[in-house]
Amino acid sequence: MGKTDFDEILQLLQNPTRRKILEILSREEHYPLQLSRTLNTSQQAVSKHLKTMERQGIVISKRSKSERGGPPTKTYTLNSEFSVRIDVGPALFETEVDMLDDEEMQEYEALKGEVEENKDEDILKCKMDVIQDVEDMINDLERRRKILLKIKENSLKDAFRHIYRNFDDYKERNVLYYVVSSGNTDPYSIAQYLGMRDEDVFRLLDELKESTDIW
């Protein structure tokens, strides 16, 4: 599941029962009957949600021993690590799905060592301390991110206002809106994003290059 799957992920996560299932599976594997009892819903409904999420690769199933000594039964566990972001404002609309891949985190080991330096023998107390330390760090990052988003939105607002007031052609404005907000000046990317023909984009860019200095 990659960055282009935002719509699929949003469709999956919009259902509150699925979100609750994922929360439960994040703690330990479960079989459908366990989930139905915990959620106070039918096993048929739970199984339907699990099959939907398994098709998308968010969960996987395997055969496991029954807790009560019965025959092996199918259990489910989480199979994906990702973060979903939606930023909305008067001059801001952005969506992003980031996969949480350890291989891409160059600072992972150093930061991991920093927050896990506590060697308390009580593992639960130790891990609770680590979790709280990480939560405090995330909250600080989120606070700074909100401030940066506001600065970004104000800049977008000023840029969009300038574009609207100074460019009469609607297609030109759409090209400028995209380029300013994305930073992408590649004609083919612009054409694909806006659903325009390549030749039309090249023509518009030739005209815009005479009145703007962002190329």
N, C-alpha and C. Protein backbone atom coordinates (compact mmCIF):
# COMPACT_ATOMS: atom_id res chain seq x y z
N MET A 1 0.85 -1.19 0.00
CA MET A 1 0.00 0.00 0.00
C MET A 1 0.88 1.24 0.00
N GLY A 2 0.72 2.11 -1.01
CA GLY A 2 1.63 3.24 -1.15
C GLY A 2 0.92 4.57 -1.06
N LYS A 3 1.64 5.61 -1.46
CA LYS A 3 1.13 6.97 -1.31
C LYS A 3 -0.10 7.23 -2.18
N THR A 4 -0.25 6.47 -3.29
CA THR A 4 -1.35 6.72 -4.20
C THR A 4 -2.65 6.07 -3.73
N ASP A 5 -2.64 5.37 -2.61
CA ASP A 5 -3.82 4.64 -2.16
C ASP A 5 -4.64 5.41 -1.13
N PHE A 6 -4.53 6.71 -1.11
CA PHE A 6 -5.22 7.50 -0.10
C PHE A 6 -6.73 7.26 -0.13
N ASP A 7 -7.34 7.28 -1.32
CA ASP A 7 -8.78 7.12 -1.42
C ASP A 7 -9.23 5.76 -0.89
N GLU A 8 -8.47 4.70 -1.21
CA GLU A 8 -8.81 3.37 -0.72
C GLU A 8 -8.69 3.30 0.80
N ILE A 9 -7.64 3.88 1.34
CA ILE A 9 -7.44 3.86 2.78
C ILE A 9 -8.55 4.65 3.48
N LEU A 10 -8.88 5.81 2.93
CA LEU A 10 -9.93 6.63 3.53
C LEU A 10 -11.26 5.90 3.52
N GLN A 11 -11.54 5.20 2.43
CA GLN A 11 -12.79 4.45 2.33
C GLN A 11 -12.82 3.32 3.36
N LEU A 12 -11.67 2.67 3.57
CA LEU A 12 -11.61 1.60 4.56
C LEU A 12 -11.76 2.12 5.97
N LEU A 13 -11.10 3.23 6.27
CA LEU A 13 -11.07 3.73 7.64
C LEU A 13 -12.28 4.57 8.03
N GLN A 14 -13.12 4.91 7.06
CA GLN A 14 -14.28 5.74 7.41
C GLN A 14 -15.29 4.95 8.24
N ASN A 15 -15.20 3.63 8.21
CA ASN A 15 -16.13 2.80 8.97
C ASN A 15 -15.66 2.65 10.41
N PRO A 16 -16.46 3.06 11.40
CA PRO A 16 -16.01 3.00 12.80
C PRO A 16 -15.74 1.58 13.30
N THR A 17 -16.47 0.59 12.79
CA THR A 17 -16.22 -0.80 13.20
C THR A 17 -14.85 -1.26 12.74
N ARG A 18 -14.48 -0.91 11.52
CA ARG A 18 -13.15 -1.29 11.02
C ARG A 18 -12.06 -0.61 11.84
N ARG A 19 -12.28 0.65 12.19
CA ARG A 19 -11.27 1.34 13.00
C ARG A 19 -11.12 0.65 14.35
N LYS A 20 -12.22 0.23 14.94
CA LYS A 20 -12.15 -0.46 16.24
C LYS A 20 -11.47 -1.81 16.09
N ILE A 21 -11.74 -2.52 15.00
CA ILE A 21 -11.07 -3.81 14.75
C ILE A 21 -9.56 -3.61 14.67
N LEU A 22 -9.13 -2.58 13.94
CA LEU A 22 -7.69 -2.32 13.80
C LEU A 22 -7.07 -1.97 15.15
N GLU A 23 -7.80 -1.20 15.96
CA GLU A 23 -7.28 -0.87 17.29
C GLU A 23 -7.08 -2.13 18.12
N ILE A 24 -8.04 -3.06 18.07
CA ILE A 24 -7.94 -4.30 18.84
C ILE A 24 -6.80 -5.17 18.31
N LEU A 25 -6.69 -5.27 16.99
CA LEU A 25 -5.63 -6.10 16.40
C LEU A 25 -4.24 -5.53 16.63
N SER A 26 -4.17 -4.23 16.93
CA SER A 26 -2.85 -3.64 17.20
C SER A 26 -2.27 -4.17 18.51
N ARG A 27 -3.10 -4.76 19.35
CA ARG A 27 -2.64 -5.27 20.65
C ARG A 27 -2.24 -6.74 20.57
N GLU A 28 -3.07 -7.54 19.88
CA GLU A 28 -2.76 -8.96 19.73
C GLU A 28 -3.65 -9.54 18.64
N GLU A 29 -3.28 -10.72 18.14
CA GLU A 29 -4.09 -11.36 17.11
C GLU A 29 -5.43 -11.80 17.69
N HIS A 30 -6.46 -11.81 16.86
CA HIS A 30 -7.80 -12.22 17.26
C HIS A 30 -8.42 -13.08 16.17
N TYR A 31 -9.35 -13.95 16.58
CA TYR A 31 -10.16 -14.63 15.59
C TYR A 31 -11.53 -13.94 15.55
N PRO A 32 -12.28 -14.11 14.46
CA PRO A 32 -13.50 -13.34 14.27
C PRO A 32 -14.49 -13.43 15.43
N LEU A 33 -14.62 -14.61 16.03
CA LEU A 33 -15.59 -14.75 17.12
C LEU A 33 -15.19 -13.87 18.30
N GLN A 34 -13.88 -13.81 18.60
CA GLN A 34 -13.41 -12.93 19.68
C GLN A 34 -13.79 -11.49 19.39
N LEU A 35 -13.54 -11.06 18.16
CA LEU A 35 -13.83 -9.69 17.77
C LEU A 35 -15.32 -9.39 17.86
N SER A 36 -16.14 -10.32 17.40
CA SER A 36 -17.59 -10.08 17.43
C SER A 36 -18.09 -9.95 18.86
N ARG A 37 -17.53 -10.74 19.77
CA ARG A 37 -17.94 -10.64 21.18
C ARG A 37 -17.47 -9.32 21.78
N THR A 38 -16.24 -8.94 21.48
CA THR A 38 -15.71 -7.69 22.03
C THR A 38 -16.48 -6.48 21.51
N LEU A 39 -16.84 -6.52 20.22
CA LEU A 39 -17.53 -5.39 19.59
C LEU A 39 -19.04 -5.47 19.73
N ASN A 40 -19.52 -6.59 20.27
CA ASN A 40 -20.96 -6.79 20.43
C ASN A 40 -21.68 -6.65 19.09
N THR A 41 -21.13 -7.32 18.08
CA THR A 41 -21.74 -7.32 16.75
C THR A 41 -21.67 -8.73 16.19
N SER A 42 -22.28 -8.97 15.06
CA SER A 42 -22.34 -10.32 14.52
C SER A 42 -21.00 -10.76 13.95
N GLN A 43 -20.73 -12.06 14.04
CA GLN A 43 -19.50 -12.60 13.49
C GLN A 43 -19.48 -12.44 11.97
N GLN A 44 -20.64 -12.51 11.35
CA GLN A 44 -20.73 -12.34 9.90
C GLN A 44 -20.27 -10.94 9.49
N ALA A 45 -20.70 -9.92 10.25
CA ALA A 45 -20.31 -8.54 9.93
C ALA A 45 -18.81 -8.36 10.13
N VAL A 46 -18.27 -8.91 11.22
CA VAL A 46 -16.85 -8.81 11.50
C VAL A 46 -16.04 -9.49 10.40
N SER A 47 -16.47 -10.68 10.00
CA SER A 47 -15.76 -11.43 8.95
C SER A 47 -15.76 -10.65 7.63
N LYS A 48 -16.86 -9.99 7.34
CA LYS A 48 -16.93 -9.19 6.12
C LYS A 48 -15.93 -8.05 6.16
N HIS A 49 -15.84 -7.37 7.29
CA HIS A 49 -14.86 -6.28 7.42
C HIS A 49 -13.43 -6.81 7.30
N LEU A 50 -13.16 -7.94 7.93
CA LEU A 50 -11.82 -8.53 7.89
C LEU A 50 -11.43 -8.91 6.47
N LYS A 51 -12.35 -9.49 5.72
CA LYS A 51 -12.05 -9.88 4.34
C LYS A 51 -11.76 -8.65 3.49
N THR A 52 -12.51 -7.58 3.71
CA THR A 52 -12.27 -6.35 2.96
C THR A 52 -10.88 -5.80 3.25
N MET A 53 -10.51 -5.76 4.54
CA MET A 53 -9.20 -5.22 4.90
C MET A 53 -8.07 -6.15 4.49
N GLU A 54 -8.33 -7.46 4.47
CA GLU A 54 -7.30 -8.41 4.03
C GLU A 54 -7.02 -8.26 2.54
N ARG A 55 -8.06 -8.01 1.75
CA ARG A 55 -7.86 -7.79 0.31
C ARG A 55 -6.97 -6.59 0.05
N GLN A 56 -7.07 -5.57 0.92
CA GLN A 56 -6.26 -4.37 0.77
C GLN A 56 -4.89 -4.50 1.42
N GLY A 57 -4.64 -5.62 2.10
CA GLY A 57 -3.33 -5.86 2.69
C GLY A 57 -3.11 -5.21 4.04
N ILE A 58 -4.16 -4.65 4.64
CA ILE A 58 -4.00 -4.02 5.94
C ILE A 58 -3.91 -5.06 7.05
N VAL A 59 -4.63 -6.18 6.88
CA VAL A 59 -4.53 -7.29 7.84
C VAL A 59 -4.19 -8.56 7.08
N ILE A 60 -3.66 -9.55 7.80
CA ILE A 60 -3.41 -10.88 7.24
C ILE A 60 -3.98 -11.92 8.19
N SER A 61 -4.24 -13.10 7.66
CA SER A 61 -4.80 -14.18 8.47
C SER A 61 -3.88 -15.39 8.46
N LYS A 62 -4.00 -16.21 9.48
CA LYS A 62 -3.25 -17.47 9.56
C LYS A 62 -4.03 -18.43 10.44
N ARG A 63 -3.66 -19.70 10.36
CA ARG A 63 -4.28 -20.71 11.20
C ARG A 63 -3.54 -20.77 12.53
N SER A 64 -4.28 -20.67 13.64
CA SER A 64 -3.69 -20.69 14.98
C SER A 64 -4.45 -21.66 15.86
N LYS A 65 -3.79 -22.08 16.94
CA LYS A 65 -4.43 -22.97 17.90
C LYS A 65 -5.56 -22.25 18.61
N SER A 66 -6.62 -22.98 18.89
CA SER A 66 -7.74 -22.41 19.63
C SER A 66 -7.37 -22.30 21.10
N GLU A 67 -7.82 -21.20 21.74
CA GLU A 67 -7.52 -21.00 23.16
C GLU A 67 -8.17 -22.06 24.03
N ARG A 68 -9.27 -22.67 23.57
CA ARG A 68 -10.01 -23.63 24.38
C ARG A 68 -9.72 -25.08 23.98
N GLY A 69 -8.64 -25.29 23.27
CA GLY A 69 -8.25 -26.64 22.92
C GLY A 69 -8.99 -27.24 21.75
N GLY A 70 -9.74 -26.44 21.02
CA GLY A 70 -10.48 -26.93 19.87
C GLY A 70 -9.59 -26.99 18.64
N PRO A 71 -10.19 -27.23 17.49
CA PRO A 71 -9.41 -27.29 16.24
C PRO A 71 -8.81 -25.93 15.90
N PRO A 72 -7.74 -25.90 15.10
CA PRO A 72 -7.14 -24.62 14.71
C PRO A 72 -8.17 -23.70 14.06
N THR A 73 -8.03 -22.42 14.31
CA THR A 73 -8.97 -21.45 13.76
C THR A 73 -8.20 -20.30 13.11
N LYS A 74 -8.86 -19.56 12.25
CA LYS A 74 -8.20 -18.46 11.54
C LYS A 74 -8.13 -17.24 12.45
N THR A 75 -6.93 -16.68 12.60
CA THR A 75 -6.76 -15.45 13.37
C THR A 75 -6.21 -14.36 12.46
N TYR A 76 -6.40 -13.12 12.89
CA TYR A 76 -6.01 -11.97 12.08
C TYR A 76 -5.05 -11.08 12.86
N THR A 77 -4.09 -10.51 12.13
CA THR A 77 -3.15 -9.55 12.69
C THR A 77 -2.98 -8.40 11.72
N LEU A 78 -2.47 -7.27 12.22
CA LEU A 78 -2.18 -6.13 11.35
C LEU A 78 -0.99 -6.44 10.46
N ASN A 79 -1.01 -5.86 9.25
CA ASN A 79 0.05 -6.14 8.28
C ASN A 79 0.61 -4.88 7.64
N SER A 80 0.18 -3.70 8.08
CA SER A 80 0.62 -2.45 7.46
C SER A 80 1.01 -1.43 8.52
N GLU A 81 1.95 -0.57 8.15
CA GLU A 81 2.34 0.55 8.99
C GLU A 81 2.28 1.82 8.14
N PHE A 82 1.36 2.70 8.45
CA PHE A 82 1.25 3.93 7.67
C PHE A 82 0.63 5.04 8.52
N SER A 83 0.84 6.25 8.06
CA SER A 83 0.27 7.43 8.70
C SER A 83 -0.55 8.18 7.67
N VAL A 84 -1.76 8.60 8.06
CA VAL A 84 -2.65 9.33 7.17
C VAL A 84 -2.78 10.77 7.65
N ARG A 85 -2.57 11.74 6.74
CA ARG A 85 -2.69 13.15 7.10
C ARG A 85 -3.67 13.85 6.16
N ILE A 86 -4.49 14.71 6.73
CA ILE A 86 -5.39 15.56 5.95
C ILE A 86 -5.28 16.97 6.52
N ASP A 87 -4.83 17.91 5.71
CA ASP A 87 -4.69 19.30 6.13
C ASP A 87 -5.67 20.15 5.33
N VAL A 88 -6.55 20.88 6.03
CA VAL A 88 -7.58 21.70 5.36
C VAL A 88 -7.57 23.09 5.97
N GLY A 89 -7.62 24.10 5.12
CA GLY A 89 -7.71 25.48 5.57
C GLY A 89 -8.27 26.33 4.45
N PRO A 90 -8.53 27.62 4.70
CA PRO A 90 -9.08 28.50 3.65
C PRO A 90 -8.25 28.50 2.37
N ALA A 91 -6.94 28.30 2.48
CA ALA A 91 -6.09 28.27 1.29
C ALA A 91 -5.23 27.00 1.29
N LEU A 92 -5.74 25.95 1.92
CA LEU A 92 -4.92 24.75 2.09
C LEU A 92 -5.78 23.50 2.00
N PHE A 93 -5.39 22.57 1.14
CA PHE A 93 -5.99 21.24 1.13
C PHE A 93 -4.94 20.25 0.65
N GLU A 94 -4.48 19.40 1.55
CA GLU A 94 -3.46 18.42 1.21
C GLU A 94 -3.77 17.10 1.91
N THR A 95 -3.53 16.01 1.19
CA THR A 95 -3.69 14.68 1.77
C THR A 95 -2.41 13.89 1.54
N GLU A 96 -2.09 13.02 2.46
CA GLU A 96 -0.85 12.25 2.35
C GLU A 96 -0.98 10.94 3.10
N VAL A 97 -0.43 9.89 2.51
CA VAL A 97 -0.28 8.61 3.19
C VAL A 97 1.21 8.29 3.20
N ASP A 98 1.79 8.17 4.38
CA ASP A 98 3.21 7.85 4.54
C ASP A 98 3.34 6.46 5.10
N MET A 99 4.12 5.63 4.42
CA MET A 99 4.42 4.31 4.94
C MET A 99 5.51 4.44 6.00
N LEU A 100 5.36 3.74 7.12
CA LEU A 100 6.33 3.80 8.21
C LEU A 100 7.35 2.69 7.99
N ASP A 101 8.39 3.02 7.24
CA ASP A 101 9.41 2.04 6.85
C ASP A 101 10.70 2.33 7.60
N ASP A 102 11.14 1.39 8.43
CA ASP A 102 12.36 1.59 9.22
C ASP A 102 13.57 1.87 8.35
N GLU A 103 13.62 1.27 7.16
CA GLU A 103 14.79 1.43 6.29
C GLU A 103 14.94 2.87 5.82
N GLU A 104 13.87 3.64 5.81
CA GLU A 104 13.94 5.03 5.37
C GLU A 104 14.26 5.98 6.51
N MET A 105 14.30 5.46 7.73
CA MET A 105 14.52 6.31 8.90
C MET A 105 15.98 6.25 9.33
N GLN A 106 16.82 7.12 8.78
CA GLN A 106 18.25 7.08 9.05
C GLN A 106 18.56 7.37 10.52
N GLU A 107 17.71 8.14 11.16
CA GLU A 107 17.96 8.50 12.55
C GLU A 107 17.29 7.54 13.53
N TYR A 108 16.72 6.47 13.02
CA TYR A 108 15.92 5.58 13.86
C TYR A 108 16.71 5.02 15.02
N GLU A 109 17.87 4.43 14.75
CA GLU A 109 18.65 3.77 15.80
C GLU A 109 19.12 4.76 16.85
N ALA A 110 19.59 5.95 16.40
CA ALA A 110 20.09 6.94 17.35
C ALA A 110 18.96 7.44 18.26
N LEU A 111 17.81 7.74 17.67
CA LEU A 111 16.69 8.23 18.46
C LEU A 111 16.12 7.12 19.34
N LYS A 112 16.11 5.91 18.82
CA LYS A 112 15.63 4.77 19.60
C LYS A 112 16.47 4.60 20.86
N GLY A 113 17.78 4.73 20.70
CA GLY A 113 18.67 4.61 21.85
C GLY A 113 18.47 5.73 22.84
N GLU A 114 18.15 6.93 22.34
CA GLU A 114 17.96 8.08 23.21
C GLU A 114 16.74 7.92 24.09
N VAL A 115 15.64 7.45 23.54
CA VAL A 115 14.40 7.36 24.32
C VAL A 115 14.30 6.06 25.09
N GLU A 116 15.14 5.06 24.76
CA GLU A 116 15.08 3.78 25.46
C GLU A 116 16.27 3.57 26.39
N GLU A 117 16.92 4.65 26.81
CA GLU A 117 18.10 4.50 27.64
C GLU A 117 17.76 4.05 29.06
N ASN A 118 16.49 4.16 29.44
CA ASN A 118 16.06 3.70 30.76
C ASN A 118 16.18 2.18 30.83
N LYS A 119 16.92 1.65 31.82
CA LYS A 119 17.15 0.22 31.97
C LYS A 119 16.38 -0.36 33.16
N ASP A 120 15.27 0.24 33.50
CA ASP A 120 14.47 -0.24 34.62
C ASP A 120 14.15 -1.72 34.43
N GLU A 121 14.29 -2.51 35.50
CA GLU A 121 14.05 -3.95 35.40
C GLU A 121 12.58 -4.27 35.17
N ASP A 122 11.68 -3.43 35.61
CA ASP A 122 10.25 -3.64 35.40
C ASP A 122 9.93 -3.23 33.97
N ILE A 123 9.73 -4.22 33.09
CA ILE A 123 9.57 -3.93 31.66
C ILE A 123 8.35 -3.07 31.38
N LEU A 124 7.25 -3.29 32.11
CA LEU A 124 6.06 -2.49 31.87
C LEU A 124 6.28 -1.03 32.24
N LYS A 125 6.92 -0.80 33.39
CA LYS A 125 7.22 0.57 33.81
C LYS A 125 8.18 1.21 32.82
N CYS A 126 9.17 0.45 32.39
CA CYS A 126 10.16 0.97 31.44
C CYS A 126 9.49 1.37 30.13
N LYS A 127 8.66 0.48 29.59
CA LYS A 127 8.01 0.76 28.31
C LYS A 127 6.98 1.88 28.43
N MET A 128 6.31 1.97 29.57
CA MET A 128 5.38 3.09 29.77
C MET A 128 6.12 4.41 29.75
N ASP A 129 7.31 4.44 30.37
CA ASP A 129 8.11 5.67 30.37
C ASP A 129 8.54 6.03 28.95
N VAL A 130 8.96 5.02 28.19
CA VAL A 130 9.38 5.26 26.80
C VAL A 130 8.21 5.79 25.99
N ILE A 131 7.05 5.15 26.13
CA ILE A 131 5.87 5.56 25.38
C ILE A 131 5.50 7.00 25.70
N GLN A 132 5.55 7.37 26.98
CA GLN A 132 5.21 8.74 27.36
C GLN A 132 6.24 9.73 26.83
N ASP A 133 7.52 9.37 26.87
CA ASP A 133 8.56 10.24 26.32
C ASP A 133 8.33 10.47 24.83
N VAL A 134 8.04 9.39 24.11
CA VAL A 134 7.80 9.50 22.67
C VAL A 134 6.55 10.34 22.40
N GLU A 135 5.50 10.13 23.20
CA GLU A 135 4.27 10.90 23.03
C GLU A 135 4.52 12.39 23.25
N ASP A 136 5.34 12.72 24.23
CA ASP A 136 5.67 14.13 24.47
C ASP A 136 6.42 14.72 23.28
N MET A 137 7.35 13.93 22.71
CA MET A 137 8.11 14.39 21.55
C MET A 137 7.20 14.58 20.34
N ILE A 138 6.26 13.64 20.13
CA ILE A 138 5.33 13.74 19.01
C ILE A 138 4.44 14.97 19.18
N ASN A 139 3.96 15.21 20.40
CA ASN A 139 3.11 16.37 20.65
C ASN A 139 3.84 17.67 20.35
N ASP A 140 5.14 17.72 20.70
CA ASP A 140 5.93 18.91 20.41
C ASP A 140 6.09 19.09 18.90
N LEU A 141 6.34 17.99 18.20
CA LEU A 141 6.46 18.05 16.74
C LEU A 141 5.15 18.49 16.10
N GLU A 142 4.04 17.97 16.61
CA GLU A 142 2.73 18.34 16.07
C GLU A 142 2.43 19.81 16.30
N ARG A 143 2.83 20.32 17.47
CA ARG A 143 2.63 21.74 17.75
C ARG A 143 3.41 22.59 16.75
N ARG A 144 4.66 22.22 16.50
CA ARG A 144 5.49 22.96 15.55
C ARG A 144 4.94 22.80 14.12
N ARG A 145 4.42 21.62 13.82
CA ARG A 145 3.86 21.38 12.49
C ARG A 145 2.65 22.28 12.25
N LYS A 146 1.81 22.46 13.27
CA LYS A 146 0.65 23.34 13.14
C LYS A 146 1.08 24.77 12.85
N ILE A 147 2.13 25.21 13.54
CA ILE A 147 2.64 26.57 13.31
C ILE A 147 3.16 26.71 11.88
N LEU A 148 3.92 25.71 11.42
CA LEU A 148 4.46 25.75 10.07
C LEU A 148 3.35 25.69 9.02
N LEU A 149 2.31 24.89 9.29
CA LEU A 149 1.18 24.82 8.36
C LEU A 149 0.49 26.17 8.24
N LYS A 150 0.39 26.89 9.36
CA LYS A 150 -0.25 28.20 9.32
C LYS A 150 0.58 29.18 8.50
N ILE A 151 1.90 29.13 8.66
CA ILE A 151 2.78 29.99 7.86
C ILE A 151 2.63 29.65 6.38
N LYS A 152 2.60 28.34 6.08
CA LYS A 152 2.43 27.90 4.70
C LYS A 152 1.11 28.35 4.13
N GLU A 153 0.04 28.22 4.92
CA GLU A 153 -1.29 28.61 4.44
C GLU A 153 -1.36 30.10 4.16
N ASN A 154 -0.76 30.91 5.01
CA ASN A 154 -0.77 32.35 4.79
C ASN A 154 -0.04 32.71 3.50
N SER A 155 1.07 32.02 3.23
CA SER A 155 1.80 32.27 1.98
C SER A 155 0.98 31.83 0.78
N LEU A 156 0.31 30.68 0.89
CA LEU A 156 -0.56 30.22 -0.19
C LEU A 156 -1.70 31.20 -0.43
N LYS A 157 -2.27 31.69 0.65
CA LYS A 157 -3.38 32.63 0.53
C LYS A 157 -2.95 33.89 -0.23
N ASP A 158 -1.78 34.42 0.12
CA ASP A 158 -1.27 35.62 -0.56
C ASP A 158 -0.99 35.33 -2.03
N ALA A 159 -0.39 34.16 -2.30
CA ALA A 159 -0.07 33.79 -3.68
C ALA A 159 -1.34 33.58 -4.50
N PHE A 160 -2.31 32.87 -3.94
CA PHE A 160 -3.56 32.61 -4.66
C PHE A 160 -4.31 33.91 -4.94
N ARG A 161 -4.30 34.82 -3.97
CA ARG A 161 -4.97 36.12 -4.16
C ARG A 161 -4.31 36.89 -5.30
N HIS A 162 -2.99 36.86 -5.35
CA HIS A 162 -2.26 37.55 -6.42
C HIS A 162 -2.60 36.93 -7.78
N ILE A 163 -2.62 35.61 -7.83
CA ILE A 163 -2.95 34.93 -9.09
C ILE A 163 -4.35 35.29 -9.54
N TYR A 164 -5.31 35.25 -8.64
CA TYR A 164 -6.71 35.52 -8.99
C TYR A 164 -6.89 36.95 -9.51
N ARG A 165 -6.17 37.90 -8.91
CA ARG A 165 -6.34 39.30 -9.27
C ARG A 165 -5.59 39.68 -10.55
N ASN A 166 -4.55 38.92 -10.91
CA ASN A 166 -3.68 39.37 -11.99
C ASN A 166 -3.70 38.49 -13.24
N PHE A 167 -4.43 37.39 -13.21
CA PHE A 167 -4.48 36.52 -14.38
C PHE A 167 -5.94 36.23 -14.72
N ASP A 168 -6.35 36.68 -15.91
CA ASP A 168 -7.75 36.57 -16.32
C ASP A 168 -8.11 35.18 -16.83
N ASP A 169 -7.15 34.48 -17.39
CA ASP A 169 -7.43 33.18 -17.98
C ASP A 169 -7.53 32.10 -16.90
N TYR A 170 -8.65 31.37 -16.90
CA TYR A 170 -8.90 30.36 -15.86
C TYR A 170 -7.86 29.24 -15.90
N LYS A 171 -7.50 28.78 -17.09
CA LYS A 171 -6.52 27.69 -17.20
C LYS A 171 -5.15 28.15 -16.71
N GLU A 172 -4.80 29.36 -17.02
CA GLU A 172 -3.54 29.89 -16.52
C GLU A 172 -3.54 29.92 -14.99
N ARG A 173 -4.65 30.34 -14.41
CA ARG A 173 -4.72 30.39 -12.96
C ARG A 173 -4.57 28.99 -12.36
N ASN A 174 -5.22 28.02 -12.95
CA ASN A 174 -5.12 26.65 -12.43
C ASN A 174 -3.70 26.11 -12.50
N VAL A 175 -3.02 26.42 -13.58
CA VAL A 175 -1.61 26.01 -13.70
C VAL A 175 -0.78 26.67 -12.61
N LEU A 176 -0.99 27.96 -12.40
CA LEU A 176 -0.23 28.68 -11.39
C LEU A 176 -0.57 28.20 -9.98
N TYR A 177 -1.84 27.94 -9.72
CA TYR A 177 -2.23 27.41 -8.41
C TYR A 177 -1.46 26.12 -8.11
N TYR A 178 -1.43 25.23 -9.10
CA TYR A 178 -0.76 23.93 -8.91
C TYR A 178 0.75 24.12 -8.71
N VAL A 179 1.36 24.92 -9.56
CA VAL A 179 2.82 25.10 -9.50
C VAL A 179 3.24 25.74 -8.19
N VAL A 180 2.53 26.78 -7.77
CA VAL A 180 2.88 27.48 -6.53
C VAL A 180 2.72 26.57 -5.32
N SER A 181 1.64 25.80 -5.28
CA SER A 181 1.37 24.97 -4.10
C SER A 181 2.21 23.71 -4.06
N SER A 182 2.57 23.17 -5.23
CA SER A 182 3.33 21.91 -5.27
C SER A 182 4.82 22.12 -5.46
N GLY A 183 5.20 23.25 -6.06
CA GLY A 183 6.61 23.47 -6.38
C GLY A 183 7.06 22.70 -7.60
N ASN A 184 6.15 22.05 -8.28
CA ASN A 184 6.46 21.21 -9.44
C ASN A 184 6.22 22.00 -10.72
N THR A 185 7.27 22.21 -11.50
CA THR A 185 7.16 22.97 -12.74
C THR A 185 7.25 22.08 -13.97
N ASP A 186 7.26 20.77 -13.80
CA ASP A 186 7.37 19.86 -14.93
C ASP A 186 6.08 19.89 -15.74
N PRO A 187 6.15 20.21 -17.03
CA PRO A 187 4.93 20.35 -17.85
C PRO A 187 4.09 19.08 -17.89
N TYR A 188 4.73 17.93 -17.95
CA TYR A 188 3.98 16.67 -18.05
C TYR A 188 3.24 16.37 -16.74
N SER A 189 3.87 16.70 -15.62
CA SER A 189 3.21 16.52 -14.33
C SER A 189 2.01 17.45 -14.21
N ILE A 190 2.18 18.68 -14.69
CA ILE A 190 1.09 19.65 -14.64
C ILE A 190 -0.08 19.16 -15.49
N ALA A 191 0.23 18.67 -16.68
CA ALA A 191 -0.82 18.19 -17.58
C ALA A 191 -1.57 17.01 -16.97
N GLN A 192 -0.83 16.09 -16.37
CA GLN A 192 -1.46 14.92 -15.78
C GLN A 192 -2.34 15.31 -14.59
N TYR A 193 -1.85 16.17 -13.74
CA TYR A 193 -2.60 16.55 -12.54
C TYR A 193 -3.87 17.31 -12.90
N LEU A 194 -3.78 18.21 -13.89
CA LEU A 194 -4.92 19.05 -14.25
C LEU A 194 -5.80 18.43 -15.33
N GLY A 195 -5.40 17.27 -15.86
CA GLY A 195 -6.19 16.62 -16.91
C GLY A 195 -6.19 17.41 -18.20
N MET A 196 -5.04 18.02 -18.52
CA MET A 196 -4.93 18.82 -19.73
C MET A 196 -4.03 18.14 -20.74
N ARG A 197 -4.13 18.57 -21.99
CA ARG A 197 -3.25 18.04 -23.02
C ARG A 197 -1.86 18.65 -22.85
N ASP A 198 -0.84 17.86 -23.15
CA ASP A 198 0.54 18.33 -23.01
C ASP A 198 0.78 19.61 -23.80
N GLU A 199 0.29 19.63 -25.06
CA GLU A 199 0.55 20.79 -25.91
C GLU A 199 -0.11 22.05 -25.36
N ASP A 200 -1.27 21.90 -24.73
CA ASP A 200 -1.93 23.06 -24.13
C ASP A 200 -1.14 23.60 -22.95
N VAL A 201 -0.56 22.70 -22.17
CA VAL A 201 0.25 23.13 -21.03
C VAL A 201 1.51 23.85 -21.51
N PHE A 202 2.16 23.31 -22.53
CA PHE A 202 3.37 23.95 -23.05
C PHE A 202 3.04 25.35 -23.57
N ARG A 203 1.89 25.49 -24.22
CA ARG A 203 1.50 26.81 -24.74
C ARG A 203 1.26 27.79 -23.59
N LEU A 204 0.56 27.33 -22.56
CA LEU A 204 0.30 28.20 -21.41
C LEU A 204 1.58 28.58 -20.70
N LEU A 205 2.50 27.64 -20.58
CA LEU A 205 3.77 27.93 -19.89
C LEU A 205 4.58 28.96 -20.65
N ASP A 206 4.56 28.88 -21.99
CA ASP A 206 5.29 29.87 -22.78
C ASP A 206 4.75 31.27 -22.51
N GLU A 207 3.42 31.37 -22.34
CA GLU A 207 2.81 32.67 -22.07
C GLU A 207 3.10 33.12 -20.64
N LEU A 208 3.06 32.18 -19.71
CA LEU A 208 3.26 32.53 -18.30
C LEU A 208 4.70 32.90 -18.00
N LYS A 209 5.63 32.33 -18.74
CA LYS A 209 7.04 32.63 -18.49
C LYS A 209 7.37 34.10 -18.75
N GLU A 210 6.52 34.76 -19.54
CA GLU A 210 6.75 36.17 -19.83
C GLU A 210 6.28 37.07 -18.69
N SER A 211 5.39 36.52 -17.82
CA SER A 211 4.83 37.38 -16.78
C SER A 211 5.16 36.90 -15.35
N THR A 212 5.82 35.79 -15.23
CA THR A 212 6.21 35.29 -13.91
C THR A 212 7.67 34.84 -13.92
N ASP A 213 8.25 34.76 -12.75
CA ASP A 213 9.66 34.37 -12.67
C ASP A 213 9.85 33.08 -11.86
N ILE A 214 8.84 32.20 -11.90
CA ILE A 214 8.95 30.96 -11.11
C ILE A 214 9.48 29.80 -11.93
N TRP A 215 9.80 30.06 -13.23
CA TRP A 215 10.40 29.02 -14.05
C TRP A 215 11.86 29.32 -14.29
